[in-house]
């Protein structure tokens, strides 16, 4: 009986461990190939629909006024793609530049 209980607990713990490992992660992107899919003035939603979710996004002030800058980061240690967006008059974030590093 005790052995059965231990076997069941080991299975439950093993399955719980597998679930934690299988968390969704942003897909790996090729920075060079991905940069060719970008267009000036694409919305942030269009970028995400095209490239998937970024590894990270930063919101910082590029200039004191009139707009803030948002940067989306894609890539790996081998190369990365940084996409800078600014807000248009409607508040929509739009691509204004990108860099492959």
N, C-alpha and C. Protein backbone atom coordinates (compact mmCIF):
# COMPACT_ATOMS: atom_id res chain seq x y z
N UNK A 1 0.82 -1.19 0.00
CA UNK A 1 0.00 0.00 0.00
C UNK A 1 0.87 1.25 0.00
N UNK A 2 1.87 1.28 0.88
CA UNK A 2 2.77 2.43 0.96
C UNK A 2 3.53 2.60 -0.36
N UNK A 3 3.92 1.49 -0.97
CA UNK A 3 4.64 1.52 -2.25
C UNK A 3 3.74 2.09 -3.34
N UNK A 4 2.46 1.72 -3.33
CA UNK A 4 1.52 2.26 -4.32
C UNK A 4 1.37 3.77 -4.16
N UNK A 5 1.26 4.21 -2.90
CA UNK A 5 1.13 5.64 -2.63
C UNK A 5 2.36 6.39 -3.14
N UNK A 6 3.55 5.87 -2.89
CA UNK A 6 4.78 6.51 -3.35
C UNK A 6 4.85 6.55 -4.88
N UNK A 7 4.41 5.46 -5.52
CA UNK A 7 4.42 5.42 -6.98
C UNK A 7 3.49 6.47 -7.57
N UNK A 8 2.30 6.61 -6.97
CA UNK A 8 1.34 7.61 -7.45
C UNK A 8 1.89 9.01 -7.23
N UNK A 9 2.47 9.28 -6.06
CA UNK A 9 3.03 10.60 -5.77
C UNK A 9 4.18 10.93 -6.74
N UNK A 10 5.01 9.95 -7.04
CA UNK A 10 6.12 10.17 -7.97
C UNK A 10 5.59 10.52 -9.35
N UNK A 11 4.51 9.87 -9.77
CA UNK A 11 3.90 10.16 -11.08
C UNK A 11 3.33 11.57 -11.11
N UNK A 12 2.64 11.96 -10.04
CA UNK A 12 2.05 13.30 -9.97
C UNK A 12 3.14 14.36 -9.99
N UNK A 13 4.18 14.17 -9.19
CA UNK A 13 5.28 15.13 -9.14
C UNK A 13 5.98 15.18 -10.50
N UNK A 14 6.17 14.03 -11.11
CA UNK A 14 6.80 13.99 -12.44
C UNK A 14 5.99 14.74 -13.47
N UNK A 15 4.67 14.56 -13.46
CA UNK A 15 3.82 15.27 -14.42
C UNK A 15 3.81 16.76 -14.15
N UNK A 16 3.79 17.14 -12.88
CA UNK A 16 3.81 18.57 -12.54
C UNK A 16 5.10 19.20 -13.02
N UNK A 17 6.20 18.47 -12.90
CA UNK A 17 7.49 18.99 -13.37
C UNK A 17 7.50 19.16 -14.87
N UNK A 18 6.88 18.25 -15.60
CA UNK A 18 6.82 18.36 -17.06
C UNK A 18 6.00 19.57 -17.49
N UNK A 19 4.94 19.84 -16.77
CA UNK A 19 4.09 20.98 -17.16
C UNK A 19 4.84 22.29 -17.01
N UNK A 20 5.63 22.42 -15.98
CA UNK A 20 6.36 23.67 -15.75
C UNK A 20 7.39 23.89 -16.86
N UNK A 21 7.96 22.81 -17.36
CA UNK A 21 8.98 22.94 -18.41
C UNK A 21 8.37 23.33 -19.74
N UNK A 22 7.11 22.99 -19.97
CA UNK A 22 6.49 23.20 -21.27
C UNK A 22 5.79 24.56 -21.39
N UNK A 23 6.28 25.57 -20.68
CA UNK A 23 5.69 26.90 -20.78
C UNK A 23 5.93 27.47 -22.17
N UNK A 24 4.96 28.25 -22.64
CA UNK A 24 5.09 28.86 -23.96
C UNK A 24 6.21 29.89 -23.95
N UNK A 25 7.07 29.82 -24.94
CA UNK A 25 8.14 30.79 -25.08
C UNK A 25 8.04 31.40 -26.47
N UNK A 26 8.50 32.66 -26.62
CA UNK A 26 8.48 33.25 -27.95
C UNK A 26 9.29 32.39 -28.92
N UNK A 27 8.82 32.24 -30.15
CA UNK A 27 9.56 31.43 -31.11
C UNK A 27 10.89 32.10 -31.45
N UNK A 28 11.88 31.28 -31.76
CA UNK A 28 13.17 31.82 -32.19
C UNK A 28 12.99 32.41 -33.59
N UNK A 29 13.52 33.59 -33.79
CA UNK A 29 13.40 34.21 -35.11
C UNK A 29 14.79 34.46 -35.68
N UNK A 30 14.90 34.40 -36.97
CA UNK A 30 16.12 34.77 -37.67
C UNK A 30 16.05 36.28 -37.88
N UNK A 31 16.90 37.05 -37.21
CA UNK A 31 16.81 38.50 -37.29
C UNK A 31 16.87 39.04 -38.72
N UNK A 32 17.74 38.48 -39.55
CA UNK A 32 17.87 38.98 -40.93
C UNK A 32 16.61 38.70 -41.74
N UNK A 33 16.11 37.48 -41.68
CA UNK A 33 14.90 37.12 -42.43
C UNK A 33 13.69 37.89 -41.90
N UNK A 34 13.61 38.03 -40.59
CA UNK A 34 12.48 38.73 -39.99
C UNK A 34 12.46 40.20 -40.36
N UNK A 35 13.64 40.81 -40.45
CA UNK A 35 13.71 42.24 -40.78
C UNK A 35 13.16 42.52 -42.18
N UNK A 36 13.24 41.53 -43.06
CA UNK A 36 12.73 41.71 -44.42
C UNK A 36 11.20 41.73 -44.47
N UNK A 37 10.56 41.26 -43.41
CA UNK A 37 9.09 41.24 -43.35
C UNK A 37 8.51 42.54 -42.80
N UNK A 38 9.37 43.41 -42.28
CA UNK A 38 8.90 44.65 -41.67
C UNK A 38 8.69 45.75 -42.70
N UNK A 39 7.77 46.64 -42.38
CA UNK A 39 7.50 47.82 -43.22
C UNK A 39 7.32 49.01 -42.30
N UNK A 40 7.78 50.16 -42.73
CA UNK A 40 7.54 51.37 -41.96
C UNK A 40 6.06 51.58 -41.76
N UNK A 41 5.69 52.05 -40.59
CA UNK A 41 4.31 52.38 -40.22
C UNK A 41 3.43 51.16 -39.95
N UNK A 42 4.01 49.94 -39.91
CA UNK A 42 3.22 48.78 -39.48
C UNK A 42 2.79 49.04 -38.04
N UNK A 43 1.61 48.56 -37.68
CA UNK A 43 1.17 48.69 -36.29
C UNK A 43 1.88 47.63 -35.45
N UNK A 44 1.89 47.84 -34.15
CA UNK A 44 2.47 46.86 -33.24
C UNK A 44 1.77 45.51 -33.41
N UNK A 45 0.46 45.51 -33.57
CA UNK A 45 -0.31 44.28 -33.76
C UNK A 45 0.14 43.57 -35.03
N UNK A 46 0.38 44.33 -36.13
CA UNK A 46 0.84 43.72 -37.39
C UNK A 46 2.22 43.08 -37.22
N UNK A 47 3.09 43.73 -36.45
CA UNK A 47 4.42 43.16 -36.19
C UNK A 47 4.29 41.84 -35.44
N UNK A 48 3.48 41.83 -34.39
CA UNK A 48 3.30 40.61 -33.59
C UNK A 48 2.62 39.52 -34.41
N UNK A 49 1.66 39.89 -35.26
CA UNK A 49 1.01 38.89 -36.13
C UNK A 49 2.01 38.31 -37.12
N UNK A 50 2.98 39.11 -37.55
CA UNK A 50 3.97 38.68 -38.54
C UNK A 50 5.11 37.90 -37.92
N UNK A 51 5.65 38.38 -36.78
CA UNK A 51 6.85 37.78 -36.19
C UNK A 51 6.60 36.96 -34.92
N UNK A 52 5.40 37.07 -34.36
CA UNK A 52 5.13 36.43 -33.08
C UNK A 52 5.44 37.38 -31.94
N UNK A 53 5.27 36.91 -30.72
CA UNK A 53 5.51 37.75 -29.55
C UNK A 53 7.00 38.01 -29.39
N UNK A 54 7.35 39.24 -29.00
CA UNK A 54 8.78 39.54 -28.79
C UNK A 54 9.30 38.90 -27.51
N UNK A 55 10.62 38.75 -27.42
CA UNK A 55 11.23 38.26 -26.18
C UNK A 55 11.03 39.26 -25.07
N UNK A 56 11.08 40.55 -25.41
CA UNK A 56 10.84 41.59 -24.42
C UNK A 56 10.44 42.87 -25.14
N UNK A 57 9.89 43.79 -24.38
CA UNK A 57 9.50 45.09 -24.91
C UNK A 57 9.82 46.14 -23.86
N UNK A 58 10.39 47.25 -24.29
CA UNK A 58 10.73 48.34 -23.39
C UNK A 58 9.97 49.58 -23.81
N UNK A 59 9.53 50.33 -22.83
CA UNK A 59 8.86 51.60 -23.09
C UNK A 59 9.71 52.68 -22.44
N UNK A 60 10.23 53.58 -23.25
CA UNK A 60 11.06 54.65 -22.72
C UNK A 60 10.82 55.92 -23.48
N UNK A 61 11.21 57.00 -22.90
CA UNK A 61 11.05 58.31 -23.55
C UNK A 61 12.21 58.52 -24.53
N UNK A 62 11.89 58.62 -25.80
CA UNK A 62 12.92 58.89 -26.81
C UNK A 62 13.20 60.39 -26.86
N UNK A 63 12.20 61.18 -26.67
CA UNK A 63 12.34 62.63 -26.62
C UNK A 63 11.43 63.13 -25.49
N UNK A 64 11.71 64.30 -24.94
CA UNK A 64 10.86 64.79 -23.86
C UNK A 64 9.40 64.92 -24.28
N UNK A 65 9.13 65.40 -25.45
CA UNK A 65 7.78 65.55 -26.00
C UNK A 65 7.94 65.49 -27.51
N UNK A 66 7.06 65.15 -28.31
CA UNK A 66 5.67 64.84 -28.05
C UNK A 66 5.35 63.36 -27.99
N UNK A 67 6.34 62.44 -28.15
CA UNK A 67 5.97 61.03 -28.15
C UNK A 67 6.98 60.17 -27.40
N UNK A 68 6.51 59.06 -26.95
CA UNK A 68 7.37 58.06 -26.29
C UNK A 68 7.78 57.02 -27.32
N UNK A 69 8.81 56.27 -27.00
CA UNK A 69 9.31 55.22 -27.89
C UNK A 69 9.13 53.87 -27.22
N UNK A 70 8.75 52.88 -28.00
CA UNK A 70 8.64 51.50 -27.52
C UNK A 70 9.58 50.66 -28.38
N UNK A 71 10.33 49.76 -27.75
CA UNK A 71 11.26 48.89 -28.46
C UNK A 71 10.87 47.44 -28.23
N UNK A 72 10.71 46.69 -29.32
CA UNK A 72 10.44 45.26 -29.27
C UNK A 72 11.74 44.52 -29.57
N UNK A 73 12.06 43.50 -28.79
CA UNK A 73 13.30 42.74 -28.96
C UNK A 73 12.97 41.32 -29.40
N UNK A 74 13.61 40.88 -30.48
CA UNK A 74 13.50 39.51 -30.99
C UNK A 74 14.91 38.96 -31.16
N UNK A 75 15.05 37.64 -31.15
CA UNK A 75 16.32 37.03 -31.48
C UNK A 75 16.92 36.18 -30.38
N UNK A 76 18.19 35.85 -30.58
CA UNK A 76 18.94 34.98 -29.68
C UNK A 76 20.28 35.63 -29.37
N UNK A 77 21.14 34.89 -28.71
CA UNK A 77 22.49 35.39 -28.44
C UNK A 77 23.29 35.56 -29.73
N UNK A 78 22.93 34.79 -30.76
CA UNK A 78 23.65 34.85 -32.04
C UNK A 78 23.31 36.10 -32.84
N UNK A 79 22.18 36.69 -32.60
CA UNK A 79 21.76 37.88 -33.32
C UNK A 79 20.41 38.35 -32.81
N UNK A 80 20.18 39.63 -32.92
CA UNK A 80 18.90 40.13 -32.43
C UNK A 80 18.35 41.20 -33.37
N UNK A 81 17.06 41.39 -33.24
CA UNK A 81 16.33 42.38 -34.02
C UNK A 81 15.64 43.30 -33.03
N UNK A 82 15.91 44.59 -33.14
CA UNK A 82 15.26 45.58 -32.29
C UNK A 82 14.38 46.45 -33.17
N UNK A 83 13.10 46.54 -32.81
CA UNK A 83 12.13 47.31 -33.59
C UNK A 83 11.66 48.48 -32.73
N UNK A 84 11.81 49.69 -33.25
CA UNK A 84 11.37 50.86 -32.50
C UNK A 84 10.05 51.37 -33.07
N UNK A 85 9.14 51.66 -32.14
CA UNK A 85 7.82 52.15 -32.52
C UNK A 85 7.55 53.49 -31.84
N UNK A 86 6.74 54.30 -32.50
CA UNK A 86 6.28 55.55 -31.91
C UNK A 86 4.76 55.59 -32.02
N UNK A 87 4.13 56.40 -31.20
CA UNK A 87 2.67 56.50 -31.23
C UNK A 87 2.24 57.53 -32.26
N UNK A 88 1.21 57.18 -33.04
CA UNK A 88 0.64 58.14 -33.99
C UNK A 88 -0.42 58.97 -33.27
N UNK A 89 -1.10 59.82 -34.00
CA UNK A 89 -2.07 60.73 -33.39
C UNK A 89 -3.28 60.01 -32.79
N UNK A 90 -3.50 58.75 -33.18
CA UNK A 90 -4.62 57.98 -32.61
C UNK A 90 -4.19 57.16 -31.40
N UNK A 91 -2.88 57.16 -31.09
CA UNK A 91 -2.37 56.38 -29.96
C UNK A 91 -1.89 55.00 -30.36
N UNK A 92 -1.96 54.67 -31.65
CA UNK A 92 -1.51 53.37 -32.14
C UNK A 92 0.02 53.38 -32.25
N UNK A 93 0.65 52.31 -31.74
CA UNK A 93 2.11 52.18 -31.87
C UNK A 93 2.44 51.72 -33.28
N UNK A 94 3.36 52.44 -33.95
CA UNK A 94 3.74 52.13 -35.34
C UNK A 94 5.26 52.07 -35.49
N UNK A 95 5.72 51.17 -36.36
CA UNK A 95 7.15 50.99 -36.61
C UNK A 95 7.71 52.26 -37.26
N UNK A 96 8.82 52.75 -36.68
CA UNK A 96 9.51 53.85 -37.36
C UNK A 96 10.97 53.50 -37.69
N UNK A 97 11.51 52.41 -37.10
CA UNK A 97 12.85 51.95 -37.48
C UNK A 97 13.10 50.58 -36.88
N UNK A 98 14.13 49.89 -37.40
CA UNK A 98 14.54 48.61 -36.84
C UNK A 98 16.01 48.38 -37.13
N UNK A 99 16.61 47.56 -36.28
CA UNK A 99 18.04 47.29 -36.35
C UNK A 99 18.30 45.81 -36.15
N UNK A 100 19.22 45.27 -36.95
CA UNK A 100 19.69 43.89 -36.76
C UNK A 100 21.08 43.98 -36.15
N UNK A 101 21.25 43.35 -35.01
CA UNK A 101 22.55 43.38 -34.31
C UNK A 101 23.19 42.02 -34.29
